[in-house]
Amino acid sequence: MKKIINGRKYDTETAKHIGSRSEGQPGNFEYFTEDLYLKKTGEFFLLGDGGPRSPYTRDDDGFTAGDCCIIPFTEKQAKKWVEEYCSVETYEKLFGEVEE
C-alpha cells in the first residue's frame, strides 16, 4: 500500500517490515491486523486493516465500513508498539540494548 501523508510518502513495498499483530477472528466485524514498518529515512508507520467494528473504520455514506490505513508513528509510539508486540531481540535491534 502506498500513501502520501503531510507531503511524506509511505510505501509498504519499500519499507522494512518490523512486526505484525492481529486481534479477533478473521471474518468478524471486530477483527483487525496491524503491521509496523520502518522507512529508509528512519520514520516508522503502522498499517492497520480491520472490519467495521475495529479501530480501522470509515464512514461510507452513513454506514460504518472496515478500512485499511497508514498511520505515521513517532519513535516513542514505535518503541511502545514494539515493546508490547515484538520480541526483545527485535526491540534491541531497533533501539539498542536495554539494561536488566
N, C-alpha and C. Protein backbone atom coordinates (compact mmCIF):
# COMPACT_ATOMS: atom_id res chain seq x y z
N MET A 1 0.85 -1.18 0.00
CA MET A 1 0.00 0.00 0.00
C MET A 1 0.89 1.24 0.00
N LYS A 2 0.50 2.22 -0.75
CA LYS A 2 1.22 3.49 -0.81
C LYS A 2 0.28 4.61 -0.41
N LYS A 3 0.84 5.60 0.29
CA LYS A 3 0.02 6.75 0.69
C LYS A 3 0.96 7.93 0.93
N ILE A 4 0.48 9.12 0.58
CA ILE A 4 1.21 10.34 0.90
C ILE A 4 0.44 11.04 2.02
N ILE A 5 1.15 11.31 3.10
CA ILE A 5 0.57 11.96 4.28
C ILE A 5 1.47 13.13 4.65
N ASN A 6 0.90 14.32 4.70
CA ASN A 6 1.65 15.54 5.03
C ASN A 6 2.92 15.68 4.18
N GLY A 7 2.79 15.37 2.90
CA GLY A 7 3.90 15.53 1.97
C GLY A 7 4.96 14.45 2.06
N ARG A 8 4.73 13.40 2.84
CA ARG A 8 5.68 12.30 3.01
C ARG A 8 5.08 11.03 2.41
N LYS A 9 5.90 10.27 1.71
CA LYS A 9 5.43 9.03 1.08
C LYS A 9 5.67 7.85 2.02
N TYR A 10 4.66 7.00 2.14
CA TYR A 10 4.71 5.78 2.93
C TYR A 10 4.37 4.63 2.00
N ASP A 11 5.26 3.63 1.91
CA ASP A 11 5.09 2.53 0.97
C ASP A 11 5.47 1.22 1.65
N THR A 12 4.51 0.33 1.80
CA THR A 12 4.77 -0.95 2.47
C THR A 12 5.69 -1.85 1.63
N GLU A 13 5.80 -1.58 0.34
CA GLU A 13 6.65 -2.42 -0.52
C GLU A 13 8.12 -2.08 -0.38
N THR A 14 8.44 -0.83 -0.02
CA THR A 14 9.85 -0.44 0.07
C THR A 14 10.34 -0.30 1.51
N ALA A 15 9.43 -0.23 2.46
CA ALA A 15 9.81 -0.11 3.87
C ALA A 15 10.11 -1.49 4.46
N LYS A 16 10.86 -1.50 5.54
CA LYS A 16 11.21 -2.76 6.23
C LYS A 16 10.08 -3.14 7.19
N HIS A 17 9.59 -4.36 7.06
CA HIS A 17 8.53 -4.85 7.95
C HIS A 17 9.17 -5.22 9.30
N ILE A 18 8.63 -4.66 10.37
CA ILE A 18 9.17 -4.88 11.72
C ILE A 18 8.41 -5.97 12.45
N GLY A 19 7.09 -5.91 12.43
CA GLY A 19 6.29 -6.89 13.15
C GLY A 19 4.82 -6.77 12.83
N SER A 20 4.08 -7.80 13.25
CA SER A 20 2.63 -7.86 12.99
C SER A 20 1.90 -8.30 14.24
N ARG A 21 0.63 -7.95 14.26
CA ARG A 21 -0.26 -8.47 15.29
C ARG A 21 -1.67 -8.47 14.74
N SER A 22 -2.50 -9.32 15.31
CA SER A 22 -3.91 -9.34 14.93
C SER A 22 -4.73 -9.57 16.18
N GLU A 23 -5.98 -9.18 16.10
CA GLU A 23 -6.88 -9.34 17.24
C GLU A 23 -8.24 -9.76 16.71
N GLY A 24 -8.83 -10.74 17.37
CA GLY A 24 -10.14 -11.24 16.96
C GLY A 24 -10.01 -12.37 15.96
N GLN A 25 -11.13 -12.76 15.40
CA GLN A 25 -11.18 -13.84 14.43
C GLN A 25 -11.44 -13.28 13.04
N PRO A 26 -10.68 -13.75 12.03
CA PRO A 26 -10.94 -13.28 10.66
C PRO A 26 -12.40 -13.47 10.29
N GLY A 27 -12.96 -12.48 9.65
CA GLY A 27 -14.36 -12.52 9.26
C GLY A 27 -15.29 -11.82 10.25
N ASN A 28 -14.85 -11.66 11.50
CA ASN A 28 -15.66 -10.93 12.49
C ASN A 28 -15.52 -9.44 12.26
N PHE A 29 -16.56 -8.70 12.61
CA PHE A 29 -16.53 -7.25 12.43
C PHE A 29 -15.44 -6.58 13.26
N GLU A 30 -15.05 -7.17 14.39
CA GLU A 30 -14.05 -6.58 15.29
C GLU A 30 -12.61 -6.92 14.88
N TYR A 31 -12.44 -7.87 14.00
CA TYR A 31 -11.11 -8.35 13.62
C TYR A 31 -10.27 -7.24 12.99
N PHE A 32 -8.98 -7.21 13.39
CA PHE A 32 -8.05 -6.28 12.73
C PHE A 32 -6.63 -6.81 12.78
N THR A 33 -5.82 -6.29 11.88
CA THR A 33 -4.39 -6.58 11.85
C THR A 33 -3.63 -5.26 11.87
N GLU A 34 -2.42 -5.32 12.41
CA GLU A 34 -1.52 -4.17 12.40
C GLU A 34 -0.13 -4.66 12.00
N ASP A 35 0.53 -3.88 11.16
CA ASP A 35 1.89 -4.17 10.74
C ASP A 35 2.71 -2.89 10.89
N LEU A 36 3.83 -3.01 11.59
CA LEU A 36 4.71 -1.86 11.78
C LEU A 36 5.83 -1.92 10.76
N TYR A 37 6.13 -0.75 10.16
CA TYR A 37 7.17 -0.63 9.14
C TYR A 37 8.15 0.47 9.52
N LEU A 38 9.37 0.33 8.97
CA LEU A 38 10.42 1.32 9.14
C LEU A 38 10.90 1.75 7.76
N LYS A 39 10.80 3.06 7.48
CA LYS A 39 11.26 3.61 6.20
C LYS A 39 12.78 3.76 6.21
N LYS A 40 13.35 3.88 5.02
CA LYS A 40 14.80 4.11 4.89
C LYS A 40 15.22 5.39 5.58
N THR A 41 14.29 6.34 5.72
CA THR A 41 14.58 7.62 6.36
C THR A 41 14.57 7.52 7.90
N GLY A 42 14.23 6.35 8.42
CA GLY A 42 14.17 6.17 9.87
C GLY A 42 12.79 6.43 10.46
N GLU A 43 11.82 6.75 9.61
CA GLU A 43 10.46 7.00 10.07
C GLU A 43 9.70 5.68 10.19
N PHE A 44 8.87 5.60 11.21
CA PHE A 44 8.02 4.43 11.41
C PHE A 44 6.60 4.74 10.95
N PHE A 45 5.89 3.70 10.53
CA PHE A 45 4.46 3.84 10.27
C PHE A 45 3.76 2.51 10.50
N LEU A 46 2.48 2.61 10.79
CA LEU A 46 1.65 1.45 11.07
C LEU A 46 0.63 1.29 9.96
N LEU A 47 0.48 0.07 9.46
CA LEU A 47 -0.58 -0.25 8.52
C LEU A 47 -1.65 -0.99 9.31
N GLY A 48 -2.82 -0.39 9.41
CA GLY A 48 -3.94 -1.00 10.13
C GLY A 48 -5.03 -1.39 9.16
N ASP A 49 -5.60 -2.56 9.37
CA ASP A 49 -6.65 -3.08 8.48
C ASP A 49 -7.66 -3.82 9.33
N GLY A 50 -8.93 -3.46 9.20
CA GLY A 50 -9.92 -4.13 10.04
C GLY A 50 -11.34 -4.00 9.56
N GLY A 51 -12.20 -4.68 10.30
CA GLY A 51 -13.62 -4.71 10.00
C GLY A 51 -14.34 -3.47 10.51
N PRO A 52 -15.67 -3.43 10.31
CA PRO A 52 -16.45 -2.24 10.63
C PRO A 52 -16.58 -1.93 12.13
N ARG A 53 -16.23 -2.85 13.00
CA ARG A 53 -16.24 -2.55 14.44
C ARG A 53 -14.84 -2.66 15.03
N SER A 54 -13.85 -2.46 14.20
CA SER A 54 -12.45 -2.47 14.64
C SER A 54 -11.98 -1.03 14.80
N PRO A 55 -10.76 -0.83 15.24
CA PRO A 55 -10.23 0.54 15.30
C PRO A 55 -10.05 1.16 13.92
N TYR A 56 -10.14 0.36 12.85
CA TYR A 56 -9.89 0.84 11.50
C TYR A 56 -11.19 0.84 10.69
N THR A 57 -11.94 1.90 10.86
CA THR A 57 -13.22 2.02 10.18
C THR A 57 -13.29 3.34 9.42
N ARG A 58 -14.29 3.42 8.55
CA ARG A 58 -14.55 4.67 7.83
C ARG A 58 -16.05 4.79 7.64
N ASP A 59 -16.49 6.03 7.47
CA ASP A 59 -17.90 6.29 7.21
C ASP A 59 -18.12 6.17 5.70
N ASP A 60 -19.03 5.31 5.32
CA ASP A 60 -19.32 5.08 3.91
C ASP A 60 -20.78 5.44 3.66
N ASP A 61 -21.04 6.74 3.41
CA ASP A 61 -22.40 7.25 3.19
C ASP A 61 -23.35 6.89 4.33
N GLY A 62 -22.90 7.14 5.55
CA GLY A 62 -23.73 6.90 6.72
C GLY A 62 -23.62 5.50 7.29
N PHE A 63 -22.86 4.63 6.64
CA PHE A 63 -22.64 3.27 7.13
C PHE A 63 -21.19 3.13 7.55
N THR A 64 -20.97 2.39 8.62
CA THR A 64 -19.61 2.13 9.06
C THR A 64 -19.06 0.94 8.30
N ALA A 65 -17.88 1.10 7.71
CA ALA A 65 -17.25 0.04 6.94
C ALA A 65 -15.83 -0.19 7.44
N GLY A 66 -15.32 -1.38 7.23
CA GLY A 66 -13.93 -1.66 7.54
C GLY A 66 -13.02 -0.87 6.62
N ASP A 67 -11.79 -0.69 7.04
CA ASP A 67 -10.87 0.11 6.24
C ASP A 67 -9.44 -0.35 6.46
N CYS A 68 -8.57 0.14 5.61
CA CYS A 68 -7.13 -0.08 5.70
C CYS A 68 -6.49 1.29 5.64
N CYS A 69 -5.58 1.58 6.57
CA CYS A 69 -4.98 2.92 6.58
C CYS A 69 -3.54 2.87 7.07
N ILE A 70 -2.79 3.89 6.71
CA ILE A 70 -1.42 4.07 7.16
C ILE A 70 -1.40 5.20 8.18
N ILE A 71 -0.71 4.95 9.29
CA ILE A 71 -0.62 5.94 10.36
C ILE A 71 0.86 6.19 10.67
N PRO A 72 1.37 7.40 10.41
CA PRO A 72 2.75 7.71 10.78
C PRO A 72 2.93 7.58 12.30
N PHE A 73 4.05 7.02 12.72
CA PHE A 73 4.35 6.83 14.14
C PHE A 73 5.60 7.61 14.50
N THR A 74 5.60 8.19 15.69
CA THR A 74 6.83 8.76 16.23
C THR A 74 7.69 7.61 16.75
N GLU A 75 8.93 7.89 17.03
CA GLU A 75 9.81 6.84 17.58
C GLU A 75 9.26 6.36 18.92
N LYS A 76 8.73 7.27 19.72
CA LYS A 76 8.16 6.90 21.02
C LYS A 76 6.98 5.92 20.83
N GLN A 77 6.11 6.20 19.87
CA GLN A 77 4.98 5.31 19.60
C GLN A 77 5.48 3.95 19.10
N ALA A 78 6.49 3.97 18.23
CA ALA A 78 7.04 2.71 17.70
C ALA A 78 7.68 1.89 18.82
N LYS A 79 8.41 2.54 19.72
CA LYS A 79 9.03 1.83 20.84
C LYS A 79 7.97 1.13 21.68
N LYS A 80 6.91 1.83 21.97
CA LYS A 80 5.83 1.25 22.78
C LYS A 80 5.19 0.07 22.06
N TRP A 81 4.93 0.21 20.77
CA TRP A 81 4.31 -0.86 19.99
C TRP A 81 5.23 -2.07 19.94
N VAL A 82 6.51 -1.86 19.65
CA VAL A 82 7.48 -2.97 19.56
C VAL A 82 7.64 -3.64 20.92
N GLU A 83 7.71 -2.85 21.98
CA GLU A 83 7.84 -3.40 23.33
C GLU A 83 6.66 -4.32 23.65
N GLU A 84 5.48 -3.93 23.23
CA GLU A 84 4.28 -4.69 23.56
C GLU A 84 4.07 -5.91 22.66
N TYR A 85 4.41 -5.82 21.39
CA TYR A 85 4.02 -6.86 20.44
C TYR A 85 5.16 -7.62 19.77
N CYS A 86 6.41 -7.23 20.00
CA CYS A 86 7.54 -7.91 19.36
C CYS A 86 8.47 -8.52 20.40
N SER A 87 9.47 -9.21 19.93
CA SER A 87 10.44 -9.86 20.81
C SER A 87 11.45 -8.86 21.37
N VAL A 88 12.13 -9.27 22.41
CA VAL A 88 13.21 -8.46 23.00
C VAL A 88 14.29 -8.23 21.95
N GLU A 89 14.59 -9.25 21.17
CA GLU A 89 15.62 -9.13 20.13
C GLU A 89 15.25 -8.07 19.10
N THR A 90 14.00 -8.04 18.70
CA THR A 90 13.55 -7.03 17.73
C THR A 90 13.68 -5.63 18.33
N TYR A 91 13.25 -5.48 19.58
CA TYR A 91 13.33 -4.18 20.25
C TYR A 91 14.78 -3.70 20.30
N GLU A 92 15.68 -4.56 20.77
CA GLU A 92 17.07 -4.15 20.94
C GLU A 92 17.77 -3.94 19.60
N LYS A 93 17.37 -4.65 18.58
CA LYS A 93 17.93 -4.45 17.24
C LYS A 93 17.60 -3.06 16.72
N LEU A 94 16.39 -2.60 17.02
CA LEU A 94 15.94 -1.29 16.55
C LEU A 94 16.40 -0.13 17.42
N PHE A 95 16.34 -0.32 18.74
CA PHE A 95 16.52 0.80 19.67
C PHE A 95 17.73 0.68 20.59
N GLY A 96 18.48 -0.40 20.47
CA GLY A 96 19.65 -0.58 21.30
C GLY A 96 19.38 -1.46 22.50
N GLU A 97 20.45 -1.97 23.06
CA GLU A 97 20.35 -2.88 24.19
C GLU A 97 19.77 -2.18 25.42
N VAL A 98 18.96 -2.92 26.15
CA VAL A 98 18.31 -2.41 27.36
C VAL A 98 18.93 -3.09 28.57
N GLU A 99 19.22 -2.31 29.61
CA GLU A 99 19.80 -2.88 30.83
C GLU A 99 18.80 -3.77 31.54
N GLU A 100 19.33 -4.75 32.25
CA GLU A 100 18.48 -5.64 33.04
C GLU A 100 18.06 -4.97 34.33
